[in-house]
Structures are given as structure tokens and as C-alpha cells.
PDB file of N, CA and C in Angstrom:
ATOM      1  N   MET A   1       0.786  -1.126   0.042  1.00  0.00           N
ATOM      2  CA  MET A   1      -0.027   0.036   0.009  1.00  0.00           C
ATOM      3  C   MET A   1       0.903   1.225  -0.006  1.00  0.00           C
ATOM      4  N   ALA A   2       0.636   2.160  -0.942  1.00  0.00           N
ATOM      5  CA  ALA A   2       1.404   3.441  -1.051  1.00  0.00           C
ATOM      6  C   ALA A   2       0.986   4.265   0.237  1.00  0.00           C
ATOM      7  N   HIS A   3       1.964   5.104   0.591  1.00  0.00           N
ATOM      8  CA  HIS A   3       1.692   6.026   1.599  1.00  0.00           C
ATOM      9  C   HIS A   3       2.128   7.502   1.173  1.00  0.00           C
ATOM     10  N   ALA A   4       1.374   8.463   1.516  1.00  0.00           N
ATOM     11  CA  ALA A   4       1.763   9.850   0.998  1.00  0.00           C
ATOM     12  C   ALA A   4       1.453  10.794   2.162  1.00  0.00           C
ATOM     13  N   ARG A   5       1.867  12.145   1.970  1.00  0.00           N
ATOM     14  CA  ARG A   5       1.659  13.132   2.881  1.00  0.00           C
ATOM     15  C   ARG A   5       0.876  14.229   2.158  1.00  0.00           C
ATOM     16  N   ILE A   6      -0.109  14.875   2.823  1.00  0.00           N
ATOM     17  CA  ILE A   6      -0.837  15.959   2.298  1.00  0.00           C
ATOM     18  C   ILE A   6      -0.526  17.100   2.991  1.00  0.00           C
ATOM     19  N   PHE A   7      -0.165  18.221   2.395  1.00  0.00           N
ATOM     20  CA  PHE A   7       0.284  19.496   3.004  1.00  0.00           C
ATOM     21  C   PHE A   7      -0.072  20.665   2.184  1.00  0.00           C
ATOM     22  N   GLN A   8      -0.056  21.828   2.801  1.00  0.00           N
ATOM     23  CA  GLN A   8      -0.270  23.091   2.095  1.00  0.00           C
ATOM     24  C   GLN A   8       1.041  23.638   1.543  1.00  0.00           C
ATOM     25  N   LYS A   9       1.033  24.094   0.397  1.00  0.00           N
ATOM     26  CA  LYS A   9       2.183  24.638  -0.101  1.00  0.00           C
ATOM     27  C   LYS A   9       2.680  25.859   0.581  1.00  0.00           C
ATOM     28  N   PRO A  10       3.869  25.878   1.061  1.00  0.00           N
ATOM     29  CA  PRO A  10       4.325  27.087   1.758  1.00  0.00           C
ATOM     30  C   PRO A  10       4.752  28.182   0.922  1.00  0.00           C
ATOM     31  N   LYS A  11       4.791  29.426   1.557  1.00  0.00           N
ATOM     32  CA  LYS A  11       5.259  30.613   0.745  1.00  0.00           C
ATOM     33  C   LYS A  11       6.701  30.489   0.491  1.00  0.00           C
ATOM     34  N   ASN A  12       7.066  30.830  -0.735  1.00  0.00           N
ATOM     35  CA  ASN A  12       8.373  30.814  -1.169  1.00  0.00           C
ATOM     36  C   ASN A  12       9.139  32.021  -0.350  1.00  0.00           C
ATOM     37  N   ALA A  13      10.377  31.756   0.033  1.00  0.00           N
ATOM     38  CA  ALA A  13      11.125  32.784   0.769  1.00  0.00           C
ATOM     39  C   ALA A  13      11.406  34.026  -0.031  1.00  0.00           C
ATOM     40  N   MET A  14      11.260  33.890  -1.373  1.00  0.00           N
ATOM     41  CA  MET A  14      11.604  34.946  -2.197  1.00  0.00           C
ATOM     42  C   MET A  14      10.450  35.768  -2.695  1.00  0.00           C
ATOM     43  N   GLN A  15       9.297  35.405  -2.180  1.00  0.00           N
ATOM     44  CA  GLN A  15       8.110  36.201  -2.618  1.00  0.00           C
ATOM     45  C   GLN A  15       7.467  36.789  -1.349  1.00  0.00           C
ATOM     46  N   SER A  16       6.825  37.993  -1.678  1.00  0.00           N
ATOM     47  CA  SER A  16       6.265  38.699  -0.532  1.00  0.00           C
ATOM     48  C   SER A  16       4.766  38.360  -0.358  1.00  0.00           C
ATOM     49  N   GLY A  17       4.130  37.930  -1.462  1.00  0.00           N
ATOM     50  CA  GLY A  17       2.685  37.713  -1.398  1.00  0.00           C
ATOM     51  C   GLY A  17       2.452  36.239  -1.020  1.00  0.00           C
ATOM     52  N   ARG A  18       1.168  35.782  -1.038  1.00  0.00           N
ATOM     53  CA  ARG A  18       0.793  34.437  -0.611  1.00  0.00           C
ATOM     54  C   ARG A  18       0.101  33.717  -1.862  1.00  0.00           C
ATOM     55  N   ALA A  19       0.540  34.026  -3.071  1.00  0.00           N
ATOM     56  CA  ALA A  19      -0.061  33.486  -4.197  1.00  0.00           C
ATOM     57  C   ALA A  19       0.353  31.920  -4.255  1.00  0.00           C
ATOM     58  N   GLY A  20      -0.701  31.117  -4.537  1.00  0.00           N
ATOM     59  CA  GLY A  20      -0.600  29.594  -4.516  1.00  0.00           C
ATOM     60  C   GLY A  20      -0.427  28.898  -3.338  1.00  0.00           C
ATOM     61  N   THR A  21      -0.509  29.664  -2.105  1.00  0.00           N
ATOM     62  CA  THR A  21      -0.354  28.950  -0.875  1.00  0.00           C
ATOM     63  C   THR A  21      -1.740  28.323  -0.267  1.00  0.00           C
ATOM     64  N   ASP A  22      -2.816  28.659  -1.137  1.00  0.00           N
ATOM     65  CA  ASP A  22      -4.055  28.088  -0.737  1.00  0.00           C
ATOM     66  C   ASP A  22      -4.231  26.655  -1.332  1.00  0.00           C
ATOM     67  N   ARG A  23      -3.336  26.146  -2.125  1.00  0.00           N
ATOM     68  CA  ARG A  23      -3.443  24.862  -2.799  1.00  0.00           C
ATOM     69  C   ARG A  23      -2.896  23.823  -1.790  1.00  0.00           C
ATOM     70  N   TRP A  24      -3.401  22.502  -1.859  1.00  0.00           N
ATOM     71  CA  TRP A  24      -2.950  21.425  -1.213  1.00  0.00           C
ATOM     72  C   TRP A  24      -2.220  20.486  -2.094  1.00  0.00           C
ATOM     73  N   LEU A  25      -1.107  19.837  -1.600  1.00  0.00           N
ATOM     74  CA  LEU A  25      -0.266  18.984  -2.300  1.00  0.00           C
ATOM     75  C   LEU A  25      -0.277  17.579  -1.770  1.00  0.00           C
ATOM     76  N   LEU A  26      -0.283  16.617  -2.585  1.00  0.00           N
ATOM     77  CA  LEU A  26      -0.109  15.170  -2.241  1.00  0.00           C
ATOM     78  C   LEU A  26       1.209  14.632  -2.795  1.00  0.00           C
ATOM     79  N   GLU A  27       2.136  14.385  -1.903  1.00  0.00           N
ATOM     80  CA  GLU A  27       3.525  13.775  -2.268  1.00  0.00           C
ATOM     81  C   GLU A  27       3.643  12.462  -1.769  1.00  0.00           C
ATOM     82  N   PHE A  28       4.124  11.380  -2.527  1.00  0.00           N
ATOM     83  CA  PHE A  28       4.297  10.092  -2.033  1.00  0.00           C
ATOM     84  C   PHE A  28       5.572   9.997  -1.242  1.00  0.00           C
ATOM     85  N   GLU A  29       5.542   9.184  -0.144  1.00  0.00           N
ATOM     86  CA  GLU A  29       6.714   8.920   0.551  1.00  0.00           C
ATOM     87  C   GLU A  29       7.644   7.971  -0.313  1.00  0.00           C
ATOM     88  N   PRO A  30       8.956   8.080  -0.138  1.00  0.00           N
ATOM     89  CA  PRO A  30       9.847   7.135  -0.798  1.00  0.00           C
ATOM     90  C   PRO A  30       9.704   5.815  -0.306  1.00  0.00           C
ATOM     91  N   ALA A  31       9.625   4.865  -1.326  1.00  0.00           N
ATOM     92  CA  ALA A  31       9.506   3.437  -1.111  1.00  0.00           C
ATOM     93  C   ALA A  31      10.720   2.779  -0.828  1.00  0.00           C
ATOM     94  N   GLU A  32      11.839   3.333  -1.268  1.00  0.00           N
ATOM     95  CA  GLU A  32      13.105   2.656  -1.115  1.00  0.00           C
ATOM     96  C   GLU A  32      14.210   3.829  -0.977  1.00  0.00           C
ATOM     97  N   ALA A  33      15.341   3.506  -0.285  1.00  0.00           N
ATOM     98  CA  ALA A  33      16.278   4.419  -0.107  1.00  0.00           C
ATOM     99  C   ALA A  33      17.027   4.625  -1.387  1.00  0.00           C
ATOM    100  N   LYS A  34      17.688   5.957  -1.446  1.00  0.00           N
ATOM    101  CA  LYS A  34      18.424   6.337  -2.626  1.00  0.00           C
ATOM    102  C   LYS A  34      19.809   5.745  -2.502  1.00  0.00           C
ATOM    103  N   ARG A  35      20.330   5.377  -3.706  1.00  0.00           N
ATOM    104  CA  ARG A  35      21.705   4.821  -3.695  1.00  0.00           C
ATOM    105  C   ARG A  35      22.438   5.438  -4.864  1.00  0.00           C
ATOM    106  N   PRO A  36      23.785   5.479  -4.765  1.00  0.00           N
ATOM    107  CA  PRO A  36      24.561   6.123  -5.847  1.00  0.00           C
ATOM    108  C   PRO A  36      24.631   5.220  -7.044  1.00  0.00           C
ATOM    109  N   ASP A  37      24.567   5.822  -8.213  1.00  0.00           N
ATOM    110  CA  ASP A  37      24.657   5.102  -9.432  1.00  0.00           C
ATOM    111  C   ASP A  37      26.193   4.743  -9.700  1.00  0.00           C
ATOM    112  N   PRO A  38      26.433   3.653 -10.091  1.00  0.00           N
ATOM    113  CA  PRO A  38      27.901   3.227 -10.210  1.00  0.00           C
ATOM    114  C   PRO A  38      28.608   3.876 -11.331  1.00  0.00           C
ATOM    115  N   LEU A  39      27.815   4.318 -12.361  1.00  0.00           N
ATOM    116  CA  LEU A  39      28.521   4.999 -13.486  1.00  0.00           C
ATOM    117  C   LEU A  39      28.708   6.387 -13.257  1.00  0.00           C
ATOM    118  N   THR A  40      27.617   7.176 -12.836  1.00  0.00           N
ATOM    119  CA  THR A  40      27.731   8.548 -12.804  1.00  0.00           C
ATOM    120  C   THR A  40      27.866   9.059 -11.331  1.00  0.00           C
ATOM    121  N   GLY A  41      27.522   8.281 -10.328  1.00  0.00           N
ATOM    122  CA  GLY A  41      27.720   8.783  -8.922  1.00  0.00           C
ATOM    123  C   GLY A  41      26.460   9.535  -8.417  1.00  0.00           C
ATOM    124  N   TRP A  42      25.524   9.696  -9.341  1.00  0.00           N
ATOM    125  CA  TRP A  42      24.262  10.516  -8.857  1.00  0.00           C
ATOM    126  C   TRP A  42      23.423   9.596  -8.014  1.00  0.00           C
ATOM    127  N   ALA A  43      22.685  10.153  -6.993  1.00  0.00           N
ATOM    128  CA  ALA A  43      21.810   9.495  -6.148  1.00  0.00           C
ATOM    129  C   ALA A  43      20.504   9.299  -6.846  1.00  0.00           C
ATOM    130  N   GLY A  44      20.014   8.023  -6.810  1.00  0.00           N
ATOM    131  CA  GLY A  44      18.575   7.795  -7.326  1.00  0.00           C
ATOM    132  C   GLY A  44      18.132   6.456  -6.841  1.00  0.00           C
ATOM    133  N   SER A  45      16.833   6.106  -7.224  1.00  0.00           N
ATOM    134  CA  SER A  45      16.237   4.883  -6.782  1.00  0.00           C
ATOM    135  C   SER A  45      15.304   4.446  -7.885  1.00  0.00           C
ATOM    136  N   GLY A  46      14.801   3.259  -7.825  1.00  0.00           N
ATOM    137  CA  GLY A  46      13.786   2.782  -8.860  1.00  0.00           C
ATOM    138  C   GLY A  46      12.406   3.189  -8.588  1.00  0.00           C
ATOM    139  N   ASP A  47      12.177   4.078  -7.590  1.00  0.00           N
ATOM    140  CA  ASP A  47      10.895   4.420  -7.082  1.00  0.00           C
ATOM    141  C   ASP A  47      10.501   5.624  -7.916  1.00  0.00           C
ATOM    142  N   THR A  48       9.453   5.471  -8.887  1.00  0.00           N
ATOM    143  CA  THR A  48       9.157   6.550  -9.716  1.00  0.00           C
ATOM    144  C   THR A  48       7.953   7.448  -9.140  1.00  0.00           C
ATOM    145  N   ARG A  49       7.241   6.934  -8.078  1.00  0.00           N
ATOM    146  CA  ARG A  49       6.229   7.600  -7.384  1.00  0.00           C
ATOM    147  C   ARG A  49       6.774   8.797  -6.781  1.00  0.00           C
ATOM    148  N   GLU A  50       8.065   8.768  -6.431  1.00  0.00           N
ATOM    149  CA  GLU A  50       8.626   9.900  -5.690  1.00  0.00           C
ATOM    150  C   GLU A  50       8.558  11.238  -6.542  1.00  0.00           C
ATOM    151  N   GLN A  51       8.497  11.123  -7.779  1.00  0.00           N
ATOM    152  CA  GLN A  51       8.504  12.203  -8.718  1.00  0.00           C
ATOM    153  C   GLN A  51       7.070  12.800  -8.916  1.00  0.00           C
ATOM    154  N   VAL A  52       6.047  12.194  -8.422  1.00  0.00           N
ATOM    155  CA  VAL A  52       4.697  12.563  -8.618  1.00  0.00           C
ATOM    156  C   VAL A  52       4.293  13.628  -7.476  1.00  0.00           C
ATOM    157  N   ARG A  53       3.776  14.743  -7.843  1.00  0.00           N
ATOM    158  CA  ARG A  53       3.268  15.704  -6.992  1.00  0.00           C
ATOM    159  C   ARG A  53       1.875  16.193  -7.446  1.00  0.00           C
ATOM    160  N   LEU A  54       0.867  15.847  -6.766  1.00  0.00           N
ATOM    161  CA  LEU A  54      -0.498  16.200  -7.181  1.00  0.00           C
ATOM    162  C   LEU A  54      -0.957  17.392  -6.414  1.00  0.00           C
ATOM    163  N   GLU A  55      -1.658  18.318  -7.131  1.00  0.00           N
ATOM    164  CA  GLU A  55      -2.191  19.576  -6.506  1.00  0.00           C
ATOM    165  C   GLU A  55      -3.631  19.518  -6.399  1.00  0.00           C
ATOM    166  N   PHE A  56      -4.203  20.032  -5.372  1.00  0.00           N
ATOM    167  CA  PHE A  56      -5.628  20.006  -5.127  1.00  0.00           C
ATOM    168  C   PHE A  56      -6.175  21.245  -4.678  1.00  0.00           C
ATOM    169  N   PRO A  57      -7.412  21.731  -5.073  1.00  0.00           N
ATOM    170  CA  PRO A  57      -7.876  23.076  -4.477  1.00  0.00           C
ATOM    171  C   PRO A  57      -8.164  23.150  -2.980  1.00  0.00           C
ATOM    172  N   ASP A  58      -8.441  21.926  -2.417  1.00  0.00           N
ATOM    173  CA  ASP A  58      -8.767  22.048  -0.980  1.00  0.00           C
ATOM    174  C   ASP A  58      -8.246  20.657  -0.262  1.00  0.00           C
ATOM    175  N   LEU A  59      -8.411  20.712   1.077  1.00  0.00           N
ATOM    176  CA  LEU A  59      -7.931  19.430   1.717  1.00  0.00           C
ATOM    177  C   LEU A  59      -8.943  18.403   1.552  1.00  0.00           C
ATOM    178  N   ALA A  60     -10.277  18.627   1.431  1.00  0.00           N
ATOM    179  CA  ALA A  60     -11.238  17.644   1.296  1.00  0.00           C
ATOM    180  C   ALA A  60     -11.016  16.791  -0.198  1.00  0.00           C
ATOM    181  N   ALA A  61     -10.734  17.572  -1.193  1.00  0.00           N
ATOM    182  CA  ALA A  61     -10.316  16.833  -2.459  1.00  0.00           C
ATOM    183  C   ALA A  61      -9.201  16.050  -2.412  1.00  0.00           C
ATOM    184  N   ALA A  62      -8.186  16.448  -1.659  1.00  0.00           N
ATOM    185  CA  ALA A  62      -6.908  15.659  -1.558  1.00  0.00           C
ATOM    186  C   ALA A  62      -7.136  14.373  -0.785  1.00  0.00           C
ATOM    187  N   LYS A  63      -7.992  14.536   0.300  1.00  0.00           N
ATOM    188  CA  LYS A  63      -8.265  13.261   1.156  1.00  0.00           C
ATOM    189  C   LYS A  63      -9.224  12.346   0.266  1.00  0.00           C
ATOM    190  N   ALA A  64     -10.046  12.876  -0.503  1.00  0.00           N
ATOM    191  CA  ALA A  64     -11.089  12.069  -1.333  1.00  0.00           C
ATOM    192  C   ALA A  64     -10.238  11.309  -2.246  1.00  0.00           C
ATOM    193  N   TYR A  65      -9.246  11.919  -2.952  1.00  0.00           N
ATOM    194  CA  TYR A  65      -8.327  11.277  -3.951  1.00  0.00           C
ATOM    195  C   TYR A  65      -7.672  10.037  -3.310  1.00  0.00           C
ATOM    196  N   ALA A  66      -7.079  10.333  -2.182  1.00  0.00           N
ATOM    197  CA  ALA A  66      -6.214   9.346  -1.499  1.00  0.00           C
ATOM    198  C   ALA A  66      -7.172   8.129  -1.167  1.00  0.00           C
ATOM    199  N   GLU A  67      -8.299   8.364  -0.566  1.00  0.00           N
ATOM    200  CA  GLU A  67      -9.234   7.329  -0.245  1.00  0.00           C
ATOM    201  C   GLU A  67      -9.709   6.469  -1.398  1.00  0.00           C
ATOM    202  N   ARG A  68      -9.984   7.246  -2.582  1.00  0.00           N
ATOM    203  CA  ARG A  68     -10.527   6.589  -3.744  1.00  0.00           C
ATOM    204  C   ARG A  68      -9.477   5.728  -4.398  1.00  0.00           C
ATOM    205  N   HIS A  69      -8.264   6.059  -4.205  1.00  0.00           N
ATOM    206  CA  HIS A  69      -7.147   5.214  -4.914  1.00  0.00           C
ATOM    207  C   HIS A  69      -6.449   4.270  -3.897  1.00  0.00           C
ATOM    208  N   GLY A  70      -6.947   4.198  -2.607  1.00  0.00           N
ATOM    209  CA  GLY A  70      -6.256   3.323  -1.564  1.00  0.00           C
ATOM    210  C   GLY A  70      -4.955   3.755  -1.242  1.00  0.00           C
ATOM    211  N   ILE A  71      -4.705   5.109  -1.036  1.00  0.00           N
ATOM    212  CA  ILE A  71      -3.312   5.549  -0.544  1.00  0.00           C
ATOM    213  C   ILE A  71      -3.621   5.976   0.796  1.00  0.00           C
ATOM    214  N   GLY A  72      -2.671   5.481   1.770  1.00  0.00           N
ATOM    215  CA  GLY A  72      -2.694   5.889   3.089  1.00  0.00           C
ATOM    216  C   GLY A  72      -2.037   7.325   3.147  1.00  0.00           C
ATOM    217  N   ALA A  73      -2.774   8.329   3.761  1.00  0.00           N
ATOM    218  CA  ALA A  73      -2.270   9.603   3.655  1.00  0.00           C
ATOM    219  C   ALA A  73      -2.124  10.131   5.063  1.00  0.00           C
ATOM    220  N   THR A  74      -1.127  10.985   5.294  1.00  0.00           N
ATOM    221  CA  THR A  74      -0.947  11.727   6.526  1.00  0.00           C
ATOM    222  C   THR A  74      -1.194  13.251   6.228  1.00  0.00           C
ATOM    223  N   VAL A  75      -1.965  13.956   7.047  1.00  0.00           N
ATOM    224  CA  VAL A  75      -2.176  15.371   6.735  1.00  0.00           C
ATOM    225  C   VAL A  75      -1.164  16.043   7.693  1.00  0.00           C
ATOM    226  N   VAL A  76      -0.379  16.904   7.032  1.00  0.00           N
ATOM    227  CA  VAL A  76       0.657  17.752   7.785  1.00  0.00           C
ATOM    228  C   VAL A  76       0.003  19.140   7.880  1.00  0.00           C
ATOM    229  N   PRO A  77      -0.371  19.546   9.033  1.00  0.00           N
ATOM    230  CA  PRO A  77      -1.089  20.888   9.195  1.00  0.00           C
ATOM    231  C   PRO A  77      -0.078  21.988   8.723  1.00  0.00           C
ATOM    232  N   ALA A  78      -0.678  23.180   8.221  1.00  0.00           N
ATOM    233  CA  ALA A  78       0.256  24.228   7.854  1.00  0.00           C
ATOM    234  C   ALA A  78       0.695  25.032   9.214  1.00  0.00           C
ATOM    235  N   PRO A  79       1.762  25.502   9.132  1.00  0.00           N
ATOM    236  CA  PRO A  79       2.155  26.307  10.442  1.00  0.00           C
ATOM    237  C   PRO A  79       1.407  27.578  10.572  1.00  0.00           C
ATOM    238  N   GLU A  80       1.283  28.143  11.682  1.00  0.00           N
ATOM    239  CA  GLU A  80       0.515  29.369  11.881  1.00  0.00           C
ATOM    240  C   GLU A  80       1.311  30.488  11.368  1.00  0.00           C
ATOM    241  N   ARG A  81       0.503  31.440  10.700  1.00  0.00           N
ATOM    242  CA  ARG A  81       1.125  32.562  10.184  1.00  0.00           C
ATOM    243  C   ARG A  81       1.239  33.508  11.385  1.00  0.00           C
ATOM    244  N   VAL A  82       2.459  34.186  11.474  1.00  0.00           N
ATOM    245  CA  VAL A  82       2.788  35.091  12.561  1.00  0.00           C
ATOM    246  C   VAL A  82       3.051  36.477  11.886  1.00  0.00           C
ATOM    247  N   LEU A  83       2.215  37.311  12.052  1.00  0.00           N
ATOM    248  CA  LEU A  83       2.365  38.707  11.469  1.00  0.00           C
ATOM    249  C   LEU A  83       3.221  39.539  12.438  1.00  0.00           C
ATOM    250  N   LYS A  84       4.381  40.107  11.882  1.00  0.00           N
ATOM    251  CA  LYS A  84       5.202  40.906  12.659  1.00  0.00           C
ATOM    252  C   LYS A  84       4.808  42.327  12.140  1.00  0.00           C
ATOM    253  N   LEU A  85       3.928  42.996  13.158  1.00  0.00           N
ATOM    254  CA  LEU A  85       3.486  44.425  12.805  1.00  0.00           C
ATOM    255  C   LEU A  85       4.608  45.337  13.105  1.00  0.00           C
ATOM    256  N   GLN A  86       5.065  46.059  12.138  1.00  0.00           N
ATOM    257  CA  GLN A  86       6.194  46.947  12.414  1.00  0.00           C
ATOM    258  C   GLN A  86       5.897  48.352  11.606  1.00  0.00           C
ATOM    259  N   ALA A  87       6.348  49.372  12.263  1.00  0.00           N
ATOM    260  CA  ALA A  87       6.183  50.611  11.480  1.00  0.00           C
ATOM    261  C   ALA A  87       7.579  50.966  10.881  1.00  0.00           C
ATOM    262  N   TYR A  88       7.565  51.858   9.902  1.00  0.00           N
ATOM    263  CA  TYR A  88       8.842  52.250   9.250  1.00  0.00           C
ATOM    264  C   TYR A  88       9.619  53.054  10.270  1.00  0.00           C
ATOM    265  N   ALA A  89       8.860  53.721  11.283  1.00  0.00           N
ATOM    266  CA  ALA A  89       9.619  54.559  12.060  1.00  0.00           C
ATOM    267  C   ALA A  89      10.520  53.827  13.162  1.00  0.00           C
ATOM    268  N   ASP A  90      10.137  52.492  13.227  1.00  0.00           N
ATOM    269  CA  ASP A  90      10.924  51.637  14.199  1.00  0.00           C
ATOM    270  C   ASP A  90      12.288  51.456  13.717  1.00  0.00           C
ATOM    271  N   ASN A  91      12.614  51.718  12.395  1.00  0.00           N
ATOM    272  CA  ASN A  91      13.942  51.555  11.867  1.00  0.00           C
ATOM    273  C   ASN A  91      14.789  52.655  12.464  1.00  0.00           C
ATOM    274  N   PHE A  92      14.399  53.673  13.067  1.00  0.00           N
ATOM    275  CA  PHE A  92      15.245  54.733  13.428  1.00  0.00           C
ATOM    276  C   PHE A  92      15.179  54.985  14.931  1.00  0.00           C
ATOM    277  N   ARG A  93      14.899  53.930  15.679  1.00  0.00           N
ATOM    278  CA  ARG A  93      14.770  54.113  17.111  1.00  0.00           C
ATOM    279  C   ARG A  93      16.078  53.457  17.788  1.00  0.00           C
TER     280      ARG A  93
END
């Protein structure tokens, strides 16, 4: 049985807005450990599900997809948003 985690996409550190952070993602857990390729030395595995990343509009849709396809899923809650209220004048104190 496949196992996956469902989480909300975090805000990129390089962006100031919250565009795209309302979407929910489903990522499969790795089924096997990565190992170095003898020819190139790159790390890889035979698990192709690790490359799959599904996007859903809300948590209910992501859970419904996992149940419908027999995927054991763990929901990772989004961290609380902490607003740092600061005035421009605070830079000169």
C-alpha cells in the first residue's frame, strides 16, 4: 500500500505575497532508499512515485483522492502565520 503526505504549499522565501499557498499537495513517501549510481555517482532509486506531486484546490479533495485510490495519507497541518507588525519609524529608534 502506498503512503503519502498531504500538506499546504508554503510561501516561497523569495516572494512577498501568498499566491498559490491556498493549494494542497499530495506527495508520495519514498518506497526505497536512494543509492549512488555506479557509473555517474548520482543518487537515485527505482521508485518513480517519488516524482509525482499532485495539486488540489482544498484538503477535502486531496483526502477524497487518497481514499478513492487506496493511498494511506498523513495530513501535515500548515504552520500558523505570525504577523510581525512593524512601523517604518521603528527603523530609526
